[in-house]
Protein backbone atom coordinates (compact mmCIF):
# COMPACT_ATOMS: atom_id res chain seq x y z
CA ALA A 1 -4.26 -0.93 -32.48
CA ALA A 2 -3.13 -0.19 -36.32
CA ALA A 3 -1.29 3.18 -35.19
CA ALA A 4 0.45 1.53 -32.29
CA PRO A 5 3.66 0.26 -34.09
CA GLU A 6 3.82 3.79 -35.28
CA ALA A 7 3.40 5.80 -32.03
CA ALA A 8 5.94 3.13 -30.72
CA GLU A 9 8.93 4.00 -33.30
CA SER A 10 7.55 7.89 -32.32
CA VAL A 11 8.32 6.92 -28.96
CA ALA A 12 11.32 4.96 -29.20
CA ALA A 13 12.78 8.08 -31.57
CA ALA A 14 12.09 10.74 -29.13
CA PHE A 15 12.77 9.19 -25.73
CA GLY A 16 15.70 7.19 -26.66
CA PHE A 17 14.00 3.74 -25.74
CA SER A 18 14.27 0.25 -27.19
CA ARG A 19 11.71 -0.87 -29.64
CA PRO A 20 10.24 -3.29 -26.83
CA MET A 21 10.50 -0.80 -24.07
CA ALA A 22 8.40 1.75 -26.15
CA ARG A 23 5.80 -0.89 -27.12
CA ALA A 24 5.45 -1.58 -23.36
CA LEU A 25 5.01 2.66 -22.64
CA VAL A 26 2.35 2.62 -25.56
CA ALA A 27 0.52 -0.28 -24.37
CA ARG A 28 0.37 1.56 -20.83
CA GLY A 29 -1.37 4.59 -22.41
CA LEU A 30 1.73 6.73 -22.73
CA THR A 31 1.87 8.23 -25.95
CA ASP A 32 1.68 11.89 -25.41
CA ARG A 33 5.22 13.69 -25.19
CA ALA A 34 4.59 15.85 -22.32
CA ASP A 35 2.61 12.97 -20.39
CA ILE A 36 5.59 10.92 -20.97
CA GLU A 37 7.97 13.57 -19.63
CA LYS A 38 6.34 14.05 -16.73
CA PHE A 39 6.21 10.25 -16.26
CA LEU A 40 10.11 10.10 -16.62
CA GLN A 41 11.29 13.03 -14.71
CA PRO A 42 8.74 13.60 -11.71
CA ARG A 43 9.19 17.40 -10.50
CA LEU A 44 7.94 18.47 -6.78
CA ALA A 45 7.19 21.47 -8.92
CA ASP A 46 4.44 19.68 -10.66
CA LEU A 47 3.09 18.74 -7.36
CA THR A 48 -0.76 20.48 -6.93
CA ASP A 49 -1.21 23.46 -4.54
CA PRO A 50 -2.27 21.90 -1.22
CA PHE A 51 -5.01 24.62 -1.12
CA VAL A 52 -7.03 22.61 -3.77
CA LEU A 53 -8.15 19.95 -1.29
CA PRO A 54 -11.40 20.72 0.15
CA GLY A 55 -11.13 21.89 3.70
CA MET A 56 -7.48 22.73 3.51
CA ALA A 57 -7.98 26.78 4.24
CA PRO A 58 -9.87 26.41 7.58
CA ALA A 59 -7.82 23.07 8.44
CA VAL A 60 -4.70 25.32 8.46
CA GLU A 61 -6.03 28.40 9.85
CA ILE A 62 -7.27 26.79 12.78
CA ILE A 63 -4.00 24.74 13.60
CA LEU A 64 -1.90 27.80 13.26
CA GLN A 65 -4.18 29.52 16.04
CA HIS A 66 -3.45 26.79 18.16
CA ILE A 67 0.25 26.96 17.69
CA GLU A 68 0.42 30.98 18.04
CA GLN A 69 -1.70 30.23 21.14
CA GLY A 70 0.48 27.60 22.72
CA SER A 71 -2.41 25.35 22.74
CA ALA A 72 -1.78 21.31 23.73
CA ILE A 73 -2.29 19.51 19.99
CA LEU A 74 -3.18 15.75 19.98
CA VAL A 75 -1.92 14.08 16.69
CA TYR A 76 -4.17 10.75 16.45
CA GLY A 77 -2.86 8.37 14.37
CA ASP A 78 -3.79 4.62 13.01
CA TYR A 79 -1.11 1.54 13.45
CA ASP A 80 -0.37 0.43 10.31
CA VAL A 81 2.24 2.07 7.95
CA ASP A 82 0.73 4.65 6.80
CA GLY A 83 -0.30 5.99 10.04
CA VAL A 84 2.54 5.70 11.86
CA THR A 85 4.46 7.73 9.03
CA ALA A 86 1.63 10.14 8.67
CA THR A 87 1.79 10.75 12.77
CA ALA A 88 5.24 10.97 12.60
CA LEU A 89 5.31 13.58 10.11
CA MET A 90 2.74 15.07 11.37
CA ILE A 91 4.14 15.53 14.87
CA GLN A 92 7.68 16.64 13.44
CA VAL A 93 6.50 19.46 11.19
CA LEU A 94 4.40 20.45 13.96
CA SER A 95 6.95 20.52 16.86
CA GLU A 96 9.17 22.70 14.32
CA LEU A 97 6.67 25.23 13.88
CA GLY A 98 6.59 25.75 17.29
CA ALA A 99 3.99 23.65 18.14
CA VAL A 100 2.99 21.80 21.58
CA ALA A 101 2.19 18.59 20.16
CA SER A 102 2.08 14.54 21.25
CA PRO A 103 1.41 11.89 19.06
CA PHE A 104 -1.24 8.81 19.97
CA LEU A 105 -1.71 5.49 18.02
CA PRO A 106 -4.63 3.57 19.14
CA HIS A 107 -4.39 0.05 20.12
CA ARG A 108 -5.65 -2.16 17.41
CA ILE A 109 -7.30 -4.73 19.36
CA GLU A 110 -8.57 -2.92 22.88
CA ASP A 111 -9.22 0.52 20.28
CA GLY A 112 -10.02 -0.32 16.92
CA TYR A 113 -9.48 1.71 13.94
CA GLY A 114 -10.35 5.44 14.38
CA LEU A 115 -11.15 7.69 17.09
CA ASN A 116 -14.09 6.25 18.99
CA VAL A 117 -15.55 8.05 22.46
CA GLU A 118 -14.18 5.52 24.61
CA THR A 119 -10.27 5.77 23.57
CA LEU A 120 -11.43 9.76 23.22
CA HIS A 121 -11.77 9.94 27.01
CA ARG A 122 -8.98 8.21 27.27
CA CYS A 123 -6.70 10.65 25.17
CA VAL A 124 -8.34 13.73 27.05
CA GLU A 125 -7.63 11.97 30.64
CA ALA A 126 -3.90 11.52 29.47
CA TYR A 127 -3.04 14.49 27.37
CA ARG A 128 -5.85 17.05 27.96
CA PRO A 129 -5.64 18.64 24.56
CA ASN A 130 -7.37 21.71 23.37
CA LEU A 131 -7.08 20.63 19.54
CA ILE A 132 -7.03 16.92 18.06
CA ILE A 133 -6.11 16.49 14.61
CA THR A 134 -6.62 12.91 13.15
CA VAL A 135 -4.11 11.38 10.74
CA ASP A 136 -5.27 8.29 8.18
CA CYS A 137 -8.76 8.13 9.86
CA GLY A 138 -11.61 10.18 11.76
CA THR A 139 -13.81 10.94 8.43
CA SER A 140 -16.47 8.83 10.02
CA SER A 141 -15.91 8.91 13.54
CA VAL A 142 -19.19 10.79 14.03
CA GLU A 143 -19.90 10.27 17.38
CA ALA A 144 -16.38 10.75 18.94
CA VAL A 145 -16.23 14.01 17.15
CA LYS A 146 -19.25 15.30 18.60
CA GLU A 147 -18.00 14.09 22.10
CA ALA A 148 -14.89 16.07 21.34
CA ALA A 149 -17.14 19.47 20.87
CA ARG A 150 -19.42 18.87 23.63
CA LEU A 151 -16.09 18.74 25.76
CA GLY A 152 -14.47 22.23 23.99
CA ILE A 153 -12.18 20.06 22.29
CA ASP A 154 -11.38 21.37 18.32
CA VAL A 155 -11.36 18.13 15.82
CA VAL A 156 -9.56 18.43 12.74
CA VAL A 157 -9.76 15.54 10.45
CA THR A 158 -7.02 14.98 7.75
CA ASP A 159 -7.66 11.04 6.14
CA HIS A 160 -8.07 9.29 2.71
CA HIS A 161 -10.63 6.77 3.57
CA GLU A 162 -14.13 6.74 1.76
CA PRO A 163 -17.15 7.61 4.19
CA ALA A 164 -18.45 4.50 6.09
CA ALA A 165 -22.03 4.06 6.94
CA GLU A 166 -22.38 6.54 9.54
CA GLY A 167 -21.40 9.30 7.32
CA VAL A 168 -19.05 11.91 8.00
CA ALA A 169 -17.92 13.47 11.32
CA GLY A 170 -18.51 17.29 11.84
CA ALA A 171 -15.29 18.11 12.88
CA CYS A 172 -13.94 21.98 12.88
CA ALA A 173 -12.48 21.29 9.22
CA ILE A 174 -11.64 17.36 7.20
CA VAL A 175 -9.32 17.54 4.60
CA ASN A 176 -10.45 14.57 2.79
CA PRO A 177 -9.56 14.05 -1.06
CA LYS A 178 -12.11 11.49 -1.42
CA LEU A 179 -14.90 14.29 -0.49
CA GLY A 180 -15.68 17.08 -2.55
CA ASN A 181 -15.14 17.02 -6.56
CA CYS A 182 -11.12 16.33 -6.07
CA PRO A 183 -8.90 16.15 -9.35
CA GLU A 184 -8.00 12.29 -9.44
CA GLU A 185 -4.15 13.03 -9.18
CA ILE A 186 -5.26 13.81 -5.66
CA ARG A 187 -7.89 11.48 -4.59
CA MET A 188 -5.26 8.57 -4.84
CA LEU A 189 -3.21 10.08 -2.07
CA ALA A 190 -2.18 8.07 1.22
CA GLY A 191 -3.19 9.23 4.66
CA VAL A 192 0.55 10.27 4.76
CA GLY A 193 0.15 12.08 1.32
CA VAL A 194 -2.93 13.65 2.47
CA ALA A 195 -0.75 14.60 5.70
CA PHE A 196 2.15 15.65 3.63
CA LYS A 197 -0.50 17.96 1.90
CA VAL A 198 -1.41 19.71 5.35
CA CYS A 199 1.84 20.47 6.51
CA HIS A 200 2.81 22.12 2.86
CA GLY A 201 -0.26 24.31 3.63
CA LEU A 202 0.97 24.57 7.20
CA VAL A 203 4.12 26.11 5.98
CA LYS A 204 2.65 27.95 3.34
CA ALA A 205 0.33 30.14 5.19
CA ALA A 206 3.08 30.28 8.24
CA ARG A 207 5.52 32.03 5.61
CA GLN A 208 2.72 34.55 4.76
CA ARG A 209 2.53 35.19 8.15
CA LYS A 210 6.40 35.66 8.57
CA LEU A 211 6.70 33.12 11.15
CA GLU A 212 10.48 32.46 11.60
CA ALA A 213 10.47 28.80 11.97
CA ALA A 214 8.49 28.43 9.04
CA GLU A 215 11.07 30.03 6.75
CA LYS A 216 13.82 27.40 7.94
CA LEU A 217 11.63 24.40 7.58
CA ASP A 218 12.40 22.34 4.75
CA LEU A 219 9.56 20.01 3.77
CA LYS A 220 11.27 17.79 1.36
CA THR A 221 13.68 16.14 4.51
CA PHE A 222 10.21 14.22 5.46
CA MET A 223 9.37 13.00 2.01
CA GLU A 224 11.03 9.69 2.95
CA LEU A 225 8.36 8.91 5.44
CA VAL A 226 5.90 10.03 2.62
CA ALA A 227 7.29 7.22 0.03
CA VAL A 228 7.52 4.53 3.03
CA GLY A 229 3.61 5.25 3.88
CA THR A 230 2.63 5.61 0.28
CA VAL A 231 4.36 2.56 -0.93
CA ALA A 232 3.23 0.33 2.16
CA ASP A 233 -0.41 1.36 1.58
CA ILE A 234 -0.48 0.26 -1.91
CA VAL A 235 -2.12 3.18 -3.51
CA PRO A 236 -1.44 3.80 -7.54
CA LEU A 237 2.08 5.08 -7.94
CA LEU A 238 1.32 7.46 -10.45
CA GLN A 239 1.01 11.35 -10.62
CA GLU A 240 1.09 13.02 -7.31
CA ASN A 241 2.08 9.94 -5.60
CA ARG A 242 4.58 9.00 -8.11
CA ILE A 243 6.28 12.46 -7.31
CA LEU A 244 6.07 12.21 -3.52
CA VAL A 245 7.71 8.25 -3.89
CA TYR A 246 10.52 9.08 -6.75
CA HIS A 247 11.91 12.05 -4.51
CA GLY A 248 11.33 10.28 -1.14
CA LEU A 249 13.16 7.08 -2.30
CA HIS A 250 16.05 9.69 -3.28
CA LEU A 251 16.27 11.34 0.21
CA LEU A 252 15.39 7.32 1.90
CA ASN A 253 18.75 6.38 0.40
CA ARG A 254 20.87 8.83 1.99
CA THR A 255 18.76 9.28 4.93
CA GLN A 256 19.71 10.91 7.94
CA SER A 257 17.08 9.33 9.80
CA VAL A 258 18.66 7.21 13.00
CA GLY A 259 15.68 4.93 13.34
CA LEU A 260 15.37 4.26 9.93
CA ARG A 261 18.69 3.58 8.80
CA THR A 262 18.99 1.44 11.91
CA LEU A 263 15.67 -0.15 10.21
CA ILE A 264 17.33 -0.82 6.96
CA GLU A 265 20.48 -2.16 8.62
CA ALA A 266 19.07 -4.56 10.82
CA ALA A 267 16.82 -6.02 8.08
CA GLY A 268 20.12 -6.77 5.94
CA ILE A 269 18.96 -4.71 2.79
CA THR A 270 22.04 -4.18 0.99
CA GLY A 271 22.44 -2.09 -2.01
CA PRO A 272 19.94 0.42 -3.11
CA VAL A 273 16.38 0.71 -1.22
CA ASP A 274 13.43 0.42 -3.63
CA THR A 275 9.80 0.29 -3.51
CA TYR A 276 10.04 -3.78 -3.35
CA HIS A 277 12.07 -3.20 0.05
CA ILE A 278 9.60 -0.84 1.76
CA GLY A 279 6.41 -3.11 0.45
CA PHE A 280 8.28 -6.85 1.57
CA ILE A 281 10.75 -5.50 4.09
CA ILE A 282 10.54 -2.36 5.70
CA GLY A 283 7.17 -2.09 5.67
CA PRO A 284 6.14 -5.55 7.30
CA ARG A 285 8.74 -4.74 10.04
CA ILE A 286 6.84 -1.19 10.79
CA ASN A 287 3.46 -2.83 10.70
CA ALA A 288 4.08 -5.83 12.73
CA ALA A 289 4.07 -4.10 16.35
CA GLY A 290 0.87 -3.19 15.16
CA ARG A 291 -0.65 -5.99 14.07
CA LEU A 292 -0.03 -7.71 17.05
CA GLY A 293 -1.04 -4.88 19.60
CA ASN A 294 0.62 -1.61 20.12
CA ALA A 295 2.45 0.36 17.44
CA ASP A 296 4.19 3.04 19.65
CA ALA A 297 7.44 0.99 19.17
CA ALA A 298 7.25 1.81 15.78
CA LEU A 299 6.63 5.09 16.00
CA GLU A 300 9.42 5.69 18.38
CA LEU A 301 11.83 4.03 15.99
CA VAL A 302 10.70 6.36 13.18
CA LEU A 303 11.23 9.63 15.70
CA THR A 304 14.26 8.55 18.00
CA GLU A 305 17.48 10.32 17.25
CA GLN A 306 19.50 7.67 19.38
CA GLU A 307 21.36 5.30 17.85
CA PRO A 308 21.28 2.41 20.88
CA ARG A 309 17.77 2.96 21.86
CA ALA A 310 17.27 2.39 17.38
CA ARG A 311 18.98 -0.64 17.67
CA ILE A 312 17.08 -2.30 20.23
CA LEU A 313 13.82 -0.81 18.84
CA ALA A 314 14.52 -2.39 15.37
CA GLN A 315 15.26 -5.52 17.29
CA GLN A 316 11.93 -5.71 18.56
CA LEU A 317 10.28 -5.01 15.47
CA ASP A 318 12.35 -7.94 13.59
CA GLU A 319 11.11 -10.39 16.40
CA ALA A 320 7.66 -8.85 16.08
CA SER A 321 7.42 -9.47 12.23
CA ARG A 322 8.85 -13.41 12.75
CA LYS A 323 6.04 -13.80 15.14
CA ARG A 324 3.45 -11.99 12.86
CA GLN A 325 4.75 -14.71 9.81
CA GLU A 326 3.82 -17.34 12.12
CA ILE A 327 0.35 -16.24 13.34
CA GLU A 328 -0.22 -15.81 9.62
CA ASP A 329 1.18 -18.90 8.16
CA LYS A 330 -0.88 -20.98 10.45
CA ILE A 331 -4.01 -18.74 9.99
CA VAL A 332 -3.97 -19.22 6.38
CA SER A 333 -3.22 -22.98 6.29
CA GLU A 334 -6.49 -23.52 8.68
CA ALA A 335 -8.45 -21.12 6.21
CA CYS A 336 -7.47 -23.18 3.47
CA GLU A 337 -7.88 -26.45 4.73
CA ASP A 338 -11.63 -24.93 5.62
CA LEU A 339 -12.11 -23.47 2.42
CA ASP A 340 -10.89 -26.30 0.02
CA ALA A 341 -13.33 -28.80 1.54
CA ARG A 342 -16.18 -26.75 0.56
CA PHE A 343 -14.75 -24.86 -2.19
CA GLU A 344 -17.02 -24.79 -5.47
CA ALA A 345 -15.90 -22.19 -8.71
CA ASP A 346 -19.27 -22.25 -10.29
CA ARG A 347 -21.10 -21.65 -6.99
CA ASP A 348 -18.61 -19.57 -4.87
CA PHE A 349 -17.78 -16.15 -5.75
CA GLY A 350 -17.77 -14.03 -2.46
CA LEU A 351 -15.65 -16.01 0.41
CA VAL A 352 -16.50 -15.69 3.95
CA VAL A 353 -14.30 -17.77 6.38
CA ALA A 354 -14.22 -17.13 10.25
CA HIS A 355 -12.76 -18.53 13.83
CA ALA A 356 -12.65 -17.59 17.07
CA ASN A 357 -8.90 -17.87 17.63
CA TRP A 358 -7.65 -15.84 14.46
CA HIS A 359 -5.56 -13.16 15.72
CA ALA A 360 -7.43 -10.08 14.66
CA GLY A 361 -4.09 -8.05 13.75
CA VAL A 362 -2.89 -10.43 10.78
CA ILE A 363 -6.23 -11.38 9.21
CA GLY A 364 -5.99 -8.65 6.49
CA ILE A 365 -2.64 -10.23 5.21
CA VAL A 366 -4.39 -13.69 5.60
CA ALA A 367 -7.47 -12.48 3.56
CA SER A 368 -4.66 -10.87 0.82
CA ARG A 369 -3.03 -14.47 0.38
CA ILE A 370 -6.64 -16.12 0.09
CA ALA A 371 -8.10 -13.72 -2.27
CA SER A 372 -4.96 -14.34 -4.54
CA ARG A 373 -4.91 -18.04 -3.95
CA TYR A 374 -8.76 -18.46 -4.92
CA ASN A 375 -9.09 -15.34 -7.47
CA ARG A 376 -12.09 -14.18 -5.56
CA PRO A 377 -12.88 -11.62 -2.62
CA VAL A 378 -12.42 -12.67 0.76
CA VAL A 379 -13.48 -11.75 4.06
CA VAL A 380 -11.89 -13.50 6.83
CA ILE A 381 -12.68 -13.12 10.37
CA GLY A 382 -11.57 -13.29 13.59
CA MET A 383 -13.77 -13.45 16.97
CA ASP A 384 -13.12 -11.37 20.52
CA GLU A 385 -14.13 -12.77 23.82
CA ASP A 386 -17.36 -10.65 23.54
CA GLY A 387 -18.91 -12.79 20.38
CA VAL A 388 -18.19 -9.86 18.02
CA GLY A 389 -16.28 -10.71 14.59
CA ARG A 390 -13.73 -8.51 13.04
CA GLY A 391 -13.10 -8.88 9.63
CA SER A 392 -10.60 -8.10 7.04
CA CYS A 393 -11.84 -7.60 3.13
CA ARG A 394 -10.08 -8.00 0.45
CA SER A 395 -11.25 -7.85 -3.55
CA ILE A 396 -9.72 -8.82 -6.30
CA PRO A 397 -8.83 -6.68 -9.58
CA GLY A 398 -11.67 -4.70 -10.79
CA PHE A 399 -14.69 -5.77 -8.21
CA ASP A 400 -15.56 -2.86 -5.85
CA LEU A 401 -15.90 -4.40 -2.51
CA LEU A 402 -17.17 -1.14 -0.78
CA SER A 403 -20.07 -1.34 -3.05
CA HIS A 404 -20.76 -5.05 -2.44
CA LEU A 405 -20.85 -4.72 1.51
CA GLN A 406 -23.13 -2.09 1.43
CA GLN A 407 -25.57 -4.07 0.12
CA CYS A 408 -24.86 -6.40 3.14
CA ALA A 409 -25.14 -3.46 5.54
CA PRO A 410 -28.60 -4.93 7.38
CA MET A 411 -26.11 -7.69 8.85
CA LEU A 412 -23.14 -5.78 9.57
CA ARG A 413 -22.74 -3.69 12.85
CA ARG A 414 -20.09 -1.63 10.97
CA TYR A 415 -18.02 -1.49 8.16
CA GLY A 416 -15.89 0.79 5.57
CA GLY A 417 -12.69 1.13 3.18
CA HIS A 418 -11.87 0.87 0.14
CA ALA A 419 -12.56 -0.55 -3.68
CA MET A 420 -9.59 -3.33 -2.80
CA ALA A 421 -9.71 -3.25 1.20
CA ALA A 422 -12.18 -3.14 3.91
CA GLY A 423 -12.93 -3.56 7.40
CA LEU A 424 -16.08 -4.85 9.20
CA GLU A 425 -17.58 -5.42 12.31
CA VAL A 426 -20.53 -8.32 12.70
CA ASP A 427 -22.50 -10.12 15.21
CA GLN A 428 -20.82 -13.73 15.38
CA ALA A 429 -24.68 -15.04 15.32
CA ARG A 430 -24.98 -13.35 11.93
CA ILE A 431 -21.80 -14.78 10.43
CA ALA A 432 -23.30 -17.04 8.43
CA GLU A 433 -26.55 -14.77 7.07
CA PHE A 434 -23.66 -12.34 6.02
CA SER A 435 -21.76 -15.21 4.01
CA THR A 436 -24.49 -16.17 2.46
CA ARG A 437 -25.63 -12.80 1.56
CA PHE A 438 -21.98 -11.68 0.63
CA ASN A 439 -21.78 -14.50 -1.76
CA GLU A 440 -25.01 -13.78 -3.51
CA VAL A 441 -23.94 -9.82 -4.25
CA CYS A 442 -20.82 -11.02 -5.40
CA ALA A 443 -22.35 -13.89 -7.88
CA ALA A 444 -24.44 -11.07 -9.05
CA THR A 445 -21.70 -9.14 -10.43
CA LEU A 446 -18.87 -12.08 -11.16
CA SER A 447 -21.16 -15.25 -12.63
CA GLN A 448 -21.13 -14.09 -16.00
CA ALA A 449 -17.51 -12.78 -15.69
CA ASP A 450 -14.60 -15.05 -17.00
CA GLN A 451 -12.82 -16.18 -13.84
CA ARG A 452 -9.43 -17.13 -15.43
CA ARG A 453 -6.74 -15.20 -14.18
CA GLN A 454 -5.26 -12.93 -16.66
CA LEU A 455 -1.79 -11.73 -16.77
CA GLN A 456 -1.31 -8.35 -18.64
CA VAL A 457 1.93 -8.96 -20.75
CA ASP A 458 3.50 -5.31 -21.47
CA ALA A 459 5.24 -6.44 -24.99
CA TRP A 460 6.23 -9.87 -26.59
CA ILE A 461 9.94 -9.83 -27.15
CA THR A 462 12.44 -11.85 -28.95
CA PRO A 463 15.35 -13.67 -27.05
CA GLY A 464 17.87 -11.27 -28.44
CA ASP A 465 15.89 -8.04 -26.53
CA ILE A 466 17.30 -9.56 -23.19
CA GLY A 467 20.45 -8.07 -21.96
CA ASP A 468 21.33 -4.62 -20.32
CA PRO A 469 19.49 -2.05 -22.61
CA LEU A 470 16.24 -3.53 -21.95
CA TYR A 471 17.07 -3.84 -18.24
CA HIS A 472 18.20 -0.17 -18.37
CA ASP A 473 14.86 0.81 -20.25
CA GLN A 474 12.69 -0.57 -17.95
CA ASN A 475 14.69 1.11 -14.83
CA ARG A 476 13.31 4.45 -16.32
CA LEU A 477 9.99 3.83 -15.09
CA ARG A 478 11.16 3.07 -11.59
CA PRO A 479 9.33 3.60 -8.53
CA PHE A 480 7.04 0.33 -9.37
CA GLY A 481 4.47 -0.62 -7.49
CA HIS A 482 0.61 -0.18 -7.70
CA ALA A 483 -0.53 0.76 -11.22
CA ASN A 484 2.68 1.01 -12.59
CA PRO A 485 3.99 -2.59 -11.86
CA LEU A 486 7.29 -4.29 -13.01
CA PRO A 487 6.94 -4.73 -16.77
CA VAL A 488 6.00 -7.89 -18.11
CA TRP A 489 7.74 -9.29 -20.96
CA ALA A 490 6.53 -12.18 -22.91
CA MET A 491 8.34 -14.33 -25.41
CA ARG A 492 7.32 -17.22 -27.76
CA ASN A 493 8.79 -20.45 -28.65
CA VAL A 494 11.74 -21.25 -26.67
CA THR A 495 12.87 -24.46 -24.92
CA PRO A 496 14.76 -24.76 -22.35
CA LEU A 497 18.05 -26.16 -22.63
CA PHE A 498 17.53 -29.05 -19.77
CA PRO A 499 14.79 -30.56 -17.96
CA ALA A 500 13.24 -28.33 -15.13
CA ARG A 501 14.40 -28.66 -11.40
CA VAL A 502 12.91 -27.98 -8.38
CA ILE A 503 15.14 -25.65 -6.30
CA GLY A 504 14.52 -25.22 -2.35
CA GLY A 505 11.75 -27.64 -2.14
CA LYS A 506 8.86 -25.48 -4.01
CA HIS A 507 10.97 -23.20 -6.69
CA LEU A 508 11.09 -23.91 -10.64
CA LYS A 509 14.36 -23.30 -12.75
CA LEU A 510 14.83 -23.59 -16.44
CA LEU A 511 17.57 -22.66 -18.53
CA PHE A 512 17.40 -21.08 -21.98
CA SER A 513 19.91 -19.98 -24.54
CA MET A 514 19.11 -16.16 -25.52
CA GLY A 515 20.87 -13.56 -27.28
CA GLY A 516 24.02 -16.12 -27.52
CA LYS A 517 23.99 -16.17 -23.69
CA GLN A 518 22.36 -18.87 -21.24
CA ARG A 519 19.71 -16.88 -19.14
CA GLU A 520 18.55 -18.54 -15.64
CA ALA A 521 14.30 -18.31 -15.51
CA ILE A 522 13.12 -19.27 -11.59
CA GLY A 523 9.47 -19.72 -11.30
CA PHE A 524 8.87 -19.09 -7.35
CA GLY A 525 6.41 -21.23 -5.59
CA MET A 526 5.34 -22.99 -9.13
CA GLY A 527 7.70 -25.98 -8.36
CA GLU A 528 4.37 -28.54 -8.17
CA ARG A 529 3.38 -27.55 -11.96
CA ASP A 530 4.28 -29.87 -14.67
CA VAL A 531 6.38 -28.22 -17.24
CA PRO A 532 5.15 -29.22 -20.82
CA ALA A 533 7.99 -31.00 -23.34
CA GLY A 534 9.26 -28.62 -26.38
CA PRO A 535 9.12 -25.41 -26.80
CA LEU A 536 7.36 -22.90 -24.73
CA ASP A 537 5.96 -19.00 -24.42
CA ILE A 538 6.68 -18.04 -21.36
CA ALA A 539 5.79 -14.56 -19.52
CA PHE A 540 8.39 -12.63 -16.83
CA ASN A 541 10.20 -10.01 -15.06
CA LEU A 542 13.48 -9.14 -16.02
CA ILE A 543 15.56 -8.97 -12.58
CA LEU A 544 18.92 -7.88 -11.90
CA ASN A 545 20.44 -10.98 -9.56
CA ARG A 546 22.92 -10.23 -6.85
CA TYR A 547 24.82 -13.15 -5.51
CA ASN A 548 28.19 -14.31 -4.18
CA GLY A 549 29.50 -11.12 -5.23
CA GLN A 550 27.83 -10.93 -8.77
CA GLU A 551 25.47 -9.51 -10.82
CA TYR A 552 23.29 -10.94 -13.53
CA LEU A 553 20.04 -10.68 -15.69
CA GLN A 554 17.32 -13.38 -14.24
CA LEU A 555 14.03 -14.01 -15.43
CA HIS A 556 11.24 -14.17 -12.82
CA LEU A 557 8.52 -16.44 -14.30
CA GLN A 558 4.98 -15.28 -14.12
CA ASP A 559 3.68 -17.92 -16.09
CA PHE A 560 4.46 -20.52 -18.76
CA ARG A 561 2.74 -22.66 -21.34
CA ALA A 562 3.24 -25.17 -24.18
CA ALA A 563 4.10 -22.82 -27.05
CA GLN A 564 1.03 -21.56 -29.25
CA PRO A 565 0.83 -20.05 -32.69
CA ALA A 566 1.10 -16.13 -32.45
CA THR A 567 -2.53 -14.74 -33.01
């Protein structure tokens, strides 16, 4: 800690950062000059060789053989943004390489996640494939892959999910950075990131074989799809993902894709498209169709080159997104009413809430909102007509959800996912038993921990530090997202110029004098909080607000308290 001021001075001098920004970089562990240069200037040349991924060489060989033989290839995707973009990417690259390729997206309710035997038979009947390539799924599709082999169909799995309880499928090749001893920078790839690596491997190998189509193919033109899927899947925006998203965003802002451009326009996005727009505006619209059933409209929009068709599809996704929001709000209200009536902070450490009429397509978002509200790992379960509960699970920072679900395995039909998010199936008759067990295993980990929410402050600054230079400094850290959040600045002992006002029925507005200017501070959703009289300590993001043709810096409050002496 004693060396931190010296390190911050060195970073400020070397890279032309203000002292507050340099302190924030050091607080995030960026002190090495070479690391900082790589972080600030993500270069495509720093992407790892695709053949570092386990299974890449046999996967590429099998796919190229099928392309050369003119085989029918089926790309089997997933219904979320990651799966839709990965499917679109793989279809476009295969087609440009001369493949006969068709896409298939499972129906969220009828088919469920991943490749299963029943859906496989439907695909075989409709498409007669010689090769199935999965994207964003397939690692644990043991029975379906076995059935495909029996039918004489090759399967290549490309995925990024941890293996589920069923084990690992015996596919012809599996490209999944979670298998084998992959470097950390590629272990964190999204499904579309893994698909991109496979495409990179295909193009590289095809060029070595002097395939003319591969010489003309520029993979960089597909990076906007990689950026959209990666940001929407909430994987860490560091290292390999950071490079992919950084360059993908540049492309997205001058996109030649009719579908993506139409979606951006229909969503009313003005100005540069950033990770915020992907995460909260573009992604939810692509997701909406799949959440309520079939994601085909989203895939068609991403792939179409016809503007009139694109406008119709974008309108459909907009309407689906609004409908999804209404359903989601209703379920959140019902779930919180149930939990509020029985929640006890010193007893309940893992929350399970279930209802017969909840739509399985939106319970993942509901689980995220409830986990945030109660600061607890959450499982939200919707029931189908057969008495089987389909659950979405969301975690809290530092809590490995998957390992705790493993301790509940005897009560579950199936489960799988990541440390932060998972899915499961459970018989209705066992939900109460599972709920008790889940709380027990969560309590064993969390009961001794400090359950208060913690806000990570990047740097404490003074009112005079607020201004355009600091805003431009923080923009050099873009793209922001998971594991590289927008900096949280904090300031001590600042007094509002006027009493706080509630605006829009639920937001807090304060005004401060900072550096000779009045600065507006907005606390979204904080309208019910009491603001202590006198000076405050505040934590906030620094945002450029655009309103009525004007641009000005605004503070988005993350928290506040009565001023306390510095410790």
